[in-house]
């Protein structure tokens, strides 16, 4: 029975990742995908510890939560109906987008995230591409 060695990895602190995101955005400016941003952040983190690893979602959420970048979110519409809940981009709460009717009532037109600006109509929108630009 042969034993393969387990991959060794370490998880960096939020502070280390935030600093790496700042460095990457200062150095490269706008970055056209979440995967590219994570790859560049990992390269920066590996200068300190070659065993560090970080997920794309964690990098995106830290960039949003710490107001490090403006994020353009491109989406595709699905056939599924939208429901209120947490934002698929940052995990924040979504608020209803309402419109008044001619008869004085209101109708829900969709949902918008108060944190990152993601929005969806009555049909669910799935994020497909994120473009990160440094805050000026």
N, C-alpha and C. Protein backbone atom coordinates (compact mmCIF):
# COMPACT_ATOMS: atom_id res chain seq x y z
N UNK A 1 0.85 -1.18 0.00
CA UNK A 1 0.00 0.00 0.00
C UNK A 1 0.89 1.25 0.00
N UNK A 2 0.75 2.05 -1.06
CA UNK A 2 1.59 3.24 -1.14
C UNK A 2 0.82 4.46 -0.64
N UNK A 3 1.50 5.26 0.08
CA UNK A 3 0.90 6.49 0.63
C UNK A 3 1.43 7.68 -0.16
N UNK A 4 0.53 8.48 -0.70
CA UNK A 4 0.97 9.69 -1.38
C UNK A 4 0.99 10.82 -0.36
N UNK A 5 2.02 11.63 -0.40
CA UNK A 5 2.09 12.72 0.57
C UNK A 5 0.97 13.73 0.33
N UNK A 6 0.39 14.20 1.41
CA UNK A 6 -0.68 15.20 1.32
C UNK A 6 -0.08 16.54 0.91
N UNK A 7 -0.84 17.27 0.11
CA UNK A 7 -0.40 18.60 -0.29
C UNK A 7 -0.41 19.51 0.93
N UNK A 8 0.69 20.14 1.19
CA UNK A 8 0.76 21.06 2.30
C UNK A 8 0.31 22.44 1.83
N UNK A 9 -0.55 23.06 2.59
CA UNK A 9 -0.94 24.43 2.27
C UNK A 9 -1.24 25.18 3.55
N UNK A 10 -1.18 26.48 3.44
CA UNK A 10 -1.48 27.35 4.58
C UNK A 10 -2.46 28.42 4.13
N UNK A 11 -3.27 28.88 5.06
CA UNK A 11 -4.28 29.89 4.74
C UNK A 11 -3.83 31.24 5.31
N UNK A 12 -3.68 32.24 4.43
CA UNK A 12 -3.23 33.56 4.91
C UNK A 12 -4.35 34.28 5.66
N UNK A 13 -3.95 35.24 6.46
CA UNK A 13 -4.94 36.04 7.21
C UNK A 13 -5.62 37.03 6.26
N UNK A 14 -6.78 37.54 6.68
CA UNK A 14 -7.48 38.55 5.89
C UNK A 14 -6.57 39.75 5.62
N UNK A 15 -5.80 40.16 6.63
CA UNK A 15 -4.92 41.32 6.50
C UNK A 15 -3.88 41.11 5.41
N UNK A 16 -3.30 39.91 5.35
CA UNK A 16 -2.30 39.61 4.32
C UNK A 16 -2.93 39.63 2.93
N UNK A 17 -4.14 39.10 2.81
CA UNK A 17 -4.82 39.07 1.51
C UNK A 17 -5.20 40.48 1.08
N UNK A 18 -5.71 41.28 2.01
CA UNK A 18 -6.10 42.67 1.71
C UNK A 18 -4.88 43.45 1.20
N UNK A 19 -3.74 43.28 1.86
CA UNK A 19 -2.53 43.97 1.42
C UNK A 19 -2.11 43.50 0.04
N UNK A 20 -2.22 42.21 -0.23
CA UNK A 20 -1.86 41.67 -1.54
C UNK A 20 -2.80 42.21 -2.62
N UNK A 21 -4.10 42.32 -2.32
CA UNK A 21 -5.06 42.88 -3.28
C UNK A 21 -4.70 44.33 -3.59
N UNK A 22 -4.38 45.11 -2.55
CA UNK A 22 -3.96 46.51 -2.74
C UNK A 22 -2.74 46.59 -3.65
N UNK A 23 -1.74 45.76 -3.35
CA UNK A 23 -0.50 45.76 -4.14
C UNK A 23 -0.78 45.44 -5.61
N UNK A 24 -1.60 44.41 -5.84
CA UNK A 24 -1.91 43.97 -7.20
C UNK A 24 -2.66 45.06 -7.96
N UNK A 25 -3.67 45.68 -7.34
CA UNK A 25 -4.44 46.73 -8.01
C UNK A 25 -3.59 47.96 -8.29
N UNK A 26 -2.69 48.31 -7.35
CA UNK A 26 -1.78 49.44 -7.57
C UNK A 26 -0.84 49.16 -8.74
N UNK A 27 -0.38 47.93 -8.83
CA UNK A 27 0.60 47.56 -9.85
C UNK A 27 -0.02 47.37 -11.24
N UNK A 28 -1.19 46.71 -11.30
CA UNK A 28 -1.75 46.33 -12.60
C UNK A 28 -2.97 47.15 -13.03
N UNK A 29 -3.55 47.95 -12.14
CA UNK A 29 -4.74 48.71 -12.50
C UNK A 29 -5.95 47.81 -12.63
N UNK A 30 -6.75 48.02 -13.67
CA UNK A 30 -7.98 47.23 -13.86
C UNK A 30 -7.62 45.78 -14.23
N UNK A 31 -8.35 44.86 -13.62
CA UNK A 31 -8.13 43.42 -13.87
C UNK A 31 -9.44 42.83 -14.34
N UNK A 32 -9.39 42.14 -15.48
CA UNK A 32 -10.61 41.78 -16.20
C UNK A 32 -11.26 40.46 -15.80
N UNK A 33 -10.80 39.82 -14.74
CA UNK A 33 -11.51 38.62 -14.28
C UNK A 33 -11.13 38.29 -12.84
N UNK A 34 -12.03 37.60 -12.18
CA UNK A 34 -11.79 37.17 -10.81
C UNK A 34 -10.63 36.18 -10.76
N UNK A 35 -10.53 35.30 -11.77
CA UNK A 35 -9.46 34.30 -11.82
C UNK A 35 -8.09 34.98 -11.93
N UNK A 36 -8.00 36.01 -12.80
CA UNK A 36 -6.72 36.73 -12.97
C UNK A 36 -6.33 37.43 -11.67
N UNK A 37 -7.32 38.07 -11.01
CA UNK A 37 -7.03 38.77 -9.77
C UNK A 37 -6.51 37.78 -8.72
N UNK A 38 -7.17 36.64 -8.59
CA UNK A 38 -6.75 35.65 -7.60
C UNK A 38 -5.35 35.12 -7.91
N UNK A 39 -5.06 34.89 -9.19
CA UNK A 39 -3.74 34.40 -9.59
C UNK A 39 -2.65 35.41 -9.22
N UNK A 40 -2.93 36.70 -9.47
CA UNK A 40 -1.95 37.75 -9.13
C UNK A 40 -1.81 37.92 -7.62
N UNK A 41 -2.92 37.80 -6.89
CA UNK A 41 -2.88 37.90 -5.43
C UNK A 41 -2.07 36.73 -4.86
N UNK A 42 -2.29 35.53 -5.40
CA UNK A 42 -1.52 34.35 -4.95
C UNK A 42 -0.03 34.54 -5.23
N UNK A 43 0.30 35.08 -6.39
CA UNK A 43 1.71 35.32 -6.72
C UNK A 43 2.33 36.28 -5.69
N UNK A 44 1.57 37.31 -5.32
CA UNK A 44 2.05 38.27 -4.32
C UNK A 44 2.20 37.59 -2.94
N UNK A 45 1.22 36.76 -2.58
CA UNK A 45 1.28 36.06 -1.28
C UNK A 45 2.44 35.06 -1.24
N UNK A 46 2.74 34.43 -2.37
CA UNK A 46 3.80 33.42 -2.41
C UNK A 46 5.18 34.03 -2.18
N UNK A 47 5.31 35.35 -2.32
CA UNK A 47 6.58 36.00 -2.00
C UNK A 47 6.88 35.88 -0.49
N UNK A 48 5.80 35.79 0.31
CA UNK A 48 5.95 35.69 1.78
C UNK A 48 5.96 34.24 2.24
N UNK A 49 5.12 33.41 1.62
CA UNK A 49 5.03 32.00 2.01
C UNK A 49 4.53 31.20 0.81
N UNK A 50 5.36 30.31 0.32
CA UNK A 50 5.02 29.56 -0.91
C UNK A 50 3.89 28.56 -0.71
N UNK A 51 3.49 28.31 0.53
CA UNK A 51 2.41 27.34 0.79
C UNK A 51 1.04 28.01 0.93
N UNK A 52 0.98 29.33 0.82
CA UNK A 52 -0.30 30.02 0.94
C UNK A 52 -1.24 29.64 -0.21
N UNK A 53 -2.53 29.57 0.09
CA UNK A 53 -3.56 29.38 -0.92
C UNK A 53 -4.79 30.20 -0.52
N UNK A 54 -5.56 30.60 -1.52
CA UNK A 54 -6.75 31.41 -1.25
C UNK A 54 -7.74 31.18 -2.39
N UNK A 55 -9.03 31.18 -2.06
CA UNK A 55 -10.05 30.94 -3.09
C UNK A 55 -10.43 32.24 -3.80
N UNK A 56 -10.96 32.09 -5.01
CA UNK A 56 -11.40 33.25 -5.79
C UNK A 56 -12.50 33.99 -5.04
N UNK A 57 -13.42 33.25 -4.44
CA UNK A 57 -14.53 33.88 -3.73
C UNK A 57 -14.04 34.71 -2.55
N UNK A 58 -13.06 34.20 -1.81
CA UNK A 58 -12.54 34.94 -0.66
C UNK A 58 -11.87 36.25 -1.11
N UNK A 59 -11.11 36.19 -2.19
CA UNK A 59 -10.46 37.40 -2.71
C UNK A 59 -11.53 38.42 -3.11
N UNK A 60 -12.55 37.98 -3.86
CA UNK A 60 -13.63 38.88 -4.30
C UNK A 60 -14.35 39.50 -3.11
N UNK A 61 -14.74 38.67 -2.15
CA UNK A 61 -15.49 39.19 -0.99
C UNK A 61 -14.65 40.15 -0.14
N UNK A 62 -13.36 39.88 0.01
CA UNK A 62 -12.50 40.80 0.78
C UNK A 62 -12.31 42.12 0.03
N UNK A 63 -12.19 42.06 -1.29
CA UNK A 63 -12.05 43.29 -2.08
C UNK A 63 -13.30 44.16 -1.94
N UNK A 64 -14.47 43.54 -1.92
CA UNK A 64 -15.73 44.27 -1.79
C UNK A 64 -15.91 44.79 -0.36
N UNK A 65 -15.73 43.91 0.62
CA UNK A 65 -15.96 44.27 2.03
C UNK A 65 -15.04 45.38 2.51
N UNK A 66 -13.83 45.45 1.96
CA UNK A 66 -12.86 46.45 2.39
C UNK A 66 -12.76 47.63 1.44
N UNK A 67 -13.72 47.72 0.51
CA UNK A 67 -13.83 48.85 -0.41
C UNK A 67 -12.51 49.13 -1.15
N UNK A 68 -11.88 48.05 -1.62
CA UNK A 68 -10.58 48.18 -2.29
C UNK A 68 -10.71 48.45 -3.78
N UNK A 69 -11.84 48.04 -4.37
CA UNK A 69 -11.98 48.16 -5.81
C UNK A 69 -13.43 48.46 -6.18
N UNK A 70 -13.60 49.10 -7.33
CA UNK A 70 -14.95 49.18 -7.90
C UNK A 70 -15.09 47.93 -8.76
N UNK A 71 -16.26 47.33 -8.69
CA UNK A 71 -16.45 46.05 -9.37
C UNK A 71 -17.59 46.16 -10.37
N UNK A 72 -17.29 45.84 -11.60
CA UNK A 72 -18.31 45.75 -12.64
C UNK A 72 -18.71 44.28 -12.71
N UNK A 73 -20.00 44.02 -12.56
CA UNK A 73 -20.49 42.65 -12.53
C UNK A 73 -21.28 42.40 -13.81
N UNK A 74 -20.81 41.45 -14.61
CA UNK A 74 -21.54 41.07 -15.83
C UNK A 74 -22.27 39.76 -15.54
N UNK A 75 -23.52 39.68 -16.00
CA UNK A 75 -24.36 38.54 -15.66
C UNK A 75 -25.06 37.98 -16.88
N UNK A 76 -25.57 36.77 -16.73
CA UNK A 76 -26.47 36.20 -17.73
C UNK A 76 -27.78 35.89 -17.02
N UNK A 77 -28.87 36.00 -17.76
CA UNK A 77 -30.18 35.76 -17.17
C UNK A 77 -30.54 34.28 -17.32
N UNK A 78 -31.14 33.72 -16.28
CA UNK A 78 -31.58 32.33 -16.33
C UNK A 78 -33.09 32.29 -16.45
N UNK A 79 -33.64 31.11 -16.58
CA UNK A 79 -35.10 30.96 -16.66
C UNK A 79 -35.72 30.86 -15.26
N UNK A 80 -34.89 30.71 -14.24
CA UNK A 80 -35.37 30.59 -12.87
C UNK A 80 -35.91 31.92 -12.36
N UNK A 81 -36.90 31.84 -11.47
CA UNK A 81 -37.42 33.05 -10.84
C UNK A 81 -36.47 33.49 -9.73
N UNK A 82 -36.43 34.77 -9.50
CA UNK A 82 -35.58 35.33 -8.46
C UNK A 82 -36.30 35.27 -7.12
N UNK A 83 -35.53 35.06 -6.06
CA UNK A 83 -36.10 35.15 -4.72
C UNK A 83 -35.19 36.03 -3.87
N UNK A 84 -35.79 36.69 -2.90
CA UNK A 84 -35.02 37.55 -2.01
C UNK A 84 -34.09 36.68 -1.18
N UNK A 85 -33.01 37.25 -0.76
CA UNK A 85 -32.07 36.50 0.07
C UNK A 85 -30.73 37.18 0.08
N UNK A 86 -29.67 36.38 0.11
CA UNK A 86 -28.35 36.97 0.16
C UNK A 86 -27.80 37.14 -1.26
N UNK A 87 -26.94 38.11 -1.40
CA UNK A 87 -26.32 38.44 -2.68
C UNK A 87 -25.32 37.35 -3.08
N UNK A 88 -25.36 36.88 -4.34
CA UNK A 88 -24.41 35.86 -4.77
C UNK A 88 -22.99 36.40 -4.96
N UNK A 89 -22.84 37.72 -4.99
CA UNK A 89 -21.53 38.32 -5.22
C UNK A 89 -20.78 38.54 -3.90
N UNK A 90 -21.45 39.18 -2.92
CA UNK A 90 -20.76 39.54 -1.68
C UNK A 90 -21.36 38.93 -0.42
N UNK A 91 -22.53 38.32 -0.55
CA UNK A 91 -23.17 37.72 0.63
C UNK A 91 -24.03 38.69 1.42
N UNK A 92 -24.13 39.95 0.96
CA UNK A 92 -24.95 40.96 1.66
C UNK A 92 -26.44 40.72 1.44
N UNK A 93 -27.25 41.51 2.12
CA UNK A 93 -28.71 41.41 1.98
C UNK A 93 -29.16 42.12 0.71
N UNK A 94 -30.16 41.53 0.06
CA UNK A 94 -30.74 42.19 -1.11
C UNK A 94 -32.03 42.87 -0.71
N UNK A 95 -32.27 44.03 -1.29
CA UNK A 95 -33.49 44.80 -1.02
C UNK A 95 -34.38 44.79 -2.26
N UNK A 96 -35.67 44.83 -2.07
CA UNK A 96 -36.60 44.83 -3.18
C UNK A 96 -36.51 46.13 -3.97
N UNK A 97 -36.60 46.01 -5.29
CA UNK A 97 -36.73 47.18 -6.16
C UNK A 97 -38.22 47.25 -6.48
N UNK A 98 -38.88 48.31 -6.02
CA UNK A 98 -40.33 48.41 -6.18
C UNK A 98 -40.70 49.49 -7.18
N UNK A 99 -41.87 49.33 -7.76
CA UNK A 99 -42.42 50.31 -8.68
C UNK A 99 -43.88 50.52 -8.33
N UNK A 100 -44.35 51.75 -8.42
CA UNK A 100 -45.76 52.03 -8.12
C UNK A 100 -46.63 51.68 -9.32
N UNK A 101 -47.81 51.17 -9.03
CA UNK A 101 -48.76 50.86 -10.10
C UNK A 101 -49.69 52.06 -10.30
N UNK A 102 -50.44 52.05 -11.39
CA UNK A 102 -51.37 53.14 -11.66
C UNK A 102 -52.47 53.21 -10.60
N UNK A 103 -52.71 52.09 -9.95
CA UNK A 103 -53.78 52.05 -8.95
C UNK A 103 -53.30 52.36 -7.54
N UNK A 104 -52.04 52.76 -7.40
CA UNK A 104 -51.53 53.16 -6.09
C UNK A 104 -50.83 52.06 -5.31
N UNK A 105 -50.83 50.85 -5.83
CA UNK A 105 -50.12 49.76 -5.17
C UNK A 105 -48.66 49.75 -5.58
N UNK A 106 -47.93 48.74 -5.14
CA UNK A 106 -46.54 48.61 -5.56
C UNK A 106 -46.26 47.19 -6.02
N UNK A 107 -45.31 47.08 -6.94
CA UNK A 107 -44.95 45.80 -7.53
C UNK A 107 -43.44 45.62 -7.38
N UNK A 108 -43.00 44.42 -7.02
CA UNK A 108 -41.57 44.14 -6.94
C UNK A 108 -41.04 43.89 -8.34
N UNK A 109 -40.04 44.68 -8.73
CA UNK A 109 -39.45 44.57 -10.07
C UNK A 109 -38.18 43.72 -10.05
N UNK A 110 -37.59 43.55 -8.87
CA UNK A 110 -36.35 42.79 -8.74
C UNK A 110 -35.72 43.05 -7.39
N UNK A 111 -34.43 42.78 -7.29
CA UNK A 111 -33.71 42.93 -6.02
C UNK A 111 -32.33 43.53 -6.30
N UNK A 112 -31.86 44.36 -5.35
CA UNK A 112 -30.54 45.00 -5.47
C UNK A 112 -29.79 44.81 -4.15
N UNK A 113 -28.48 44.55 -4.28
CA UNK A 113 -27.63 44.43 -3.10
C UNK A 113 -27.19 45.83 -2.66
N UNK A 114 -27.33 46.11 -1.39
CA UNK A 114 -26.93 47.42 -0.86
C UNK A 114 -25.41 47.56 -0.75
N UNK A 115 -24.72 46.43 -0.68
CA UNK A 115 -23.27 46.47 -0.48
C UNK A 115 -22.49 46.64 -1.77
N UNK A 116 -22.76 45.77 -2.76
CA UNK A 116 -21.91 45.77 -3.97
C UNK A 116 -22.62 46.28 -5.23
N UNK A 117 -23.94 46.45 -5.18
CA UNK A 117 -24.65 46.97 -6.34
C UNK A 117 -25.20 45.92 -7.28
N UNK A 118 -24.96 44.63 -7.01
CA UNK A 118 -25.53 43.57 -7.85
C UNK A 118 -27.05 43.71 -7.86
N UNK A 119 -27.67 43.48 -9.01
CA UNK A 119 -29.13 43.52 -9.09
C UNK A 119 -29.62 42.39 -9.96
N UNK A 120 -30.86 42.02 -9.76
CA UNK A 120 -31.50 41.01 -10.57
C UNK A 120 -32.96 41.40 -10.75
N UNK A 121 -33.52 41.02 -11.88
CA UNK A 121 -34.93 41.29 -12.15
C UNK A 121 -35.77 40.12 -11.65
N UNK A 122 -36.93 39.91 -12.27
CA UNK A 122 -37.79 38.81 -11.87
C UNK A 122 -37.20 37.46 -12.29
N UNK A 123 -36.37 37.46 -13.32
CA UNK A 123 -35.62 36.27 -13.71
C UNK A 123 -34.23 36.37 -13.08
N UNK A 124 -33.77 35.29 -12.51
CA UNK A 124 -32.49 35.29 -11.81
C UNK A 124 -31.33 35.61 -12.74
N UNK A 125 -30.43 36.50 -12.32
CA UNK A 125 -29.22 36.82 -13.06
C UNK A 125 -28.03 36.19 -12.35
N UNK A 126 -27.22 35.45 -13.09
CA UNK A 126 -26.06 34.76 -12.54
C UNK A 126 -24.80 35.50 -12.96
N UNK A 127 -23.96 35.92 -11.99
CA UNK A 127 -22.71 36.60 -12.34
C UNK A 127 -21.81 35.70 -13.17
N UNK A 128 -21.27 36.24 -14.27
CA UNK A 128 -20.38 35.46 -15.13
C UNK A 128 -18.99 36.07 -15.23
N UNK A 129 -18.87 37.38 -15.00
CA UNK A 129 -17.57 38.03 -15.12
C UNK A 129 -17.51 39.22 -14.16
N UNK A 130 -16.38 39.36 -13.49
CA UNK A 130 -16.14 40.50 -12.61
C UNK A 130 -14.95 41.27 -13.15
N UNK A 131 -15.08 42.59 -13.24
CA UNK A 131 -13.95 43.44 -13.64
C UNK A 131 -13.63 44.33 -12.43
N UNK A 132 -12.40 44.22 -11.94
CA UNK A 132 -11.96 44.96 -10.75
C UNK A 132 -11.12 46.14 -11.17
N UNK A 133 -11.48 47.34 -10.67
CA UNK A 133 -10.70 48.55 -10.94
C UNK A 133 -10.34 49.17 -9.60
N UNK A 134 -9.11 49.66 -9.45
CA UNK A 134 -8.71 50.27 -8.17
C UNK A 134 -9.56 51.50 -7.87
N UNK A 135 -9.87 51.68 -6.58
CA UNK A 135 -10.59 52.88 -6.14
C UNK A 135 -9.64 54.06 -6.28
N UNK A 136 -10.20 55.19 -6.76
CA UNK A 136 -9.32 56.35 -6.94
C UNK A 136 -9.32 57.25 -5.73
